[in-house]
Amino acid sequence: MNKNVWIIDDDPSIRWVLTRALKKAGMEPRGFEAGDDALDRFGKNNTRNDKPDLIITDIRMPGISGLELLDSLQELAPDIPVVVMTAHSDLDSAVSSYRSGAFEYLPKPFDLKEAVALAERAMQRQEPVNDSTQTQFPELLGEAPAMQNVFRAIGRLSRSHINILIRGESGTGKELVAQALHRNSPRATRPLVAINTAAIPSELLESELFGHERGAFTGAQSQRKGRFEQAHTGTLFLDEIGDMPTALQTRLLRVLSEGRFYRVGGHDQIEVDVRVIAATHQNLEVLVEQGKFREDLFHRLNVMQITLPPLCERREDIGTLAKQFLQEAAQELSVEPKSLEPQVLTIFQNYRWPGNVRELQNTCRRLTVMAPSQAITLDDLPEELRDGENDASDISWQEQLRQVVRQQLERGDTDILTSLNTQFEKLLIEQALDYTGGHKQQAAKKLGVGRNTLTRKLKELT
């Protein structure tokens, strides 16, 4: 079913251009030149199908302002997301609107693609996140040992309420793991509420987390529940926790310790029962040493830790993931799924994928749109993949060694130091002898050891 979007602006050109862009994106926009008209129409709607799934409104309009409209909508339909359009000179008003319950503000002049993307994101956030049919991510896939460890951890934690810290580079799927943890927990039927602490200005984050009372600050025209209250009896996912300001870390620690907090400007304690899953791409131990992250909060969050590997360390999964992403892209575009030629798959498996799984997913979407034939060939690949400038050969030997060590640890290997040292010495001696044409004295000199030592090593390694 197409999503209904109401556009409220007294400028007909704004309504026209947004209507056209949103229709092209598969939505059903409806324009209003005044907030009063929209409220009047809202009051006459008796069926859910005729109510908006999203409202985009200007701030400065004849009659009631966008902020006044937002205040009324918070009482009539707090579940409908609102995007506020504003000129740069209205930035203070935009911040007030955000605090008053707006999903986001859209500065004028705006890029139409960004406006459409914002509308889609707002409506995704409106949908229940604990419904598996609404997930924005595919199911977790992976045969690599590191991913099997992740699956086992999720299984072990299926009956637990403890806090969890998910670590991994950007794009590795930390939010997907958080969703899987929630779906497989005793809280699965309760809310899963997510917030990216790095994406919200620090001056707004406290209100987002803990809510506020009416009149707590300029623009707080109504009471608002924060994410902790919204997640009561469920799960709160705090993404990019390493970017949380120090002052808020103290408040968060107190909530985790006591299960109680005050809304901004409030005098009554709010009690909540929330399981916290935090995620970060940063090294929190280093941030603790630098005084940028509270050590007691780190230990409170790090009750159980799950580490997601970068895609370059799970190359055996790339083919399976690519096939899955190509099928999903085909479903989105209502076309037949495309396939990778063997040479293309080899390039995929050798590429570093600095953007990890997210980059692979976006590449598959792009190829589904741009590749002219059913089979994706070398000529269809973007330049960075086709030229091989960023393939695995560019990875330093130290990084490759680090990957080998991690893989052996994840397989459960033992005596790793002895094994790798033996292989390392054997490789050095073989290469030195090859370079000197088998001349032992010259090879020993190149390696910086005595000839007798080289001879002894050769006997030990053969």
Foldseek 3Di string as FASTA:
>chain_A
DAFEEEEEALDVVVVVVLCVLLVVVRHHYDYHDHLVVVVVVQVVDDDPVPDGLEYEYEQDHPDHGPLVSLLVCCVVPLLRAYEYEYEPVCVVVQVLSVLQRHPHYAYPPHDSVVVNVVVVVRSLLSDALLDVVSDPDDQDDADALLVVVLVVVLVVCLAPLAFEEEEEAAQLCPVNSVSSSQCSHPQSVAGEAEDEQVVDPLVRVLCQAAWAADPLDPSNNHTDGHPQVNQFSGEYEYEAVLPHAPVVLVVVLCCLVPQWDAHRVGDDIDHGDYRYYYYHHDDVVVCCVVVRHPPVSVCRNHPDYRYGYFCLLRLVCLQVLLQVLQVVLCVVVVHDRAEEDPVLSVLSSFARPPNGSNVSSVQSNVLNVQPPDRYDDLVSHPPCSNVVPRTNVPDDPVVVVVSVVVSCVSVVHPPVVVVVVLVVVVVLLVVLCVVVVNDQCSSCVVVVHHSVVSVVSVVVND
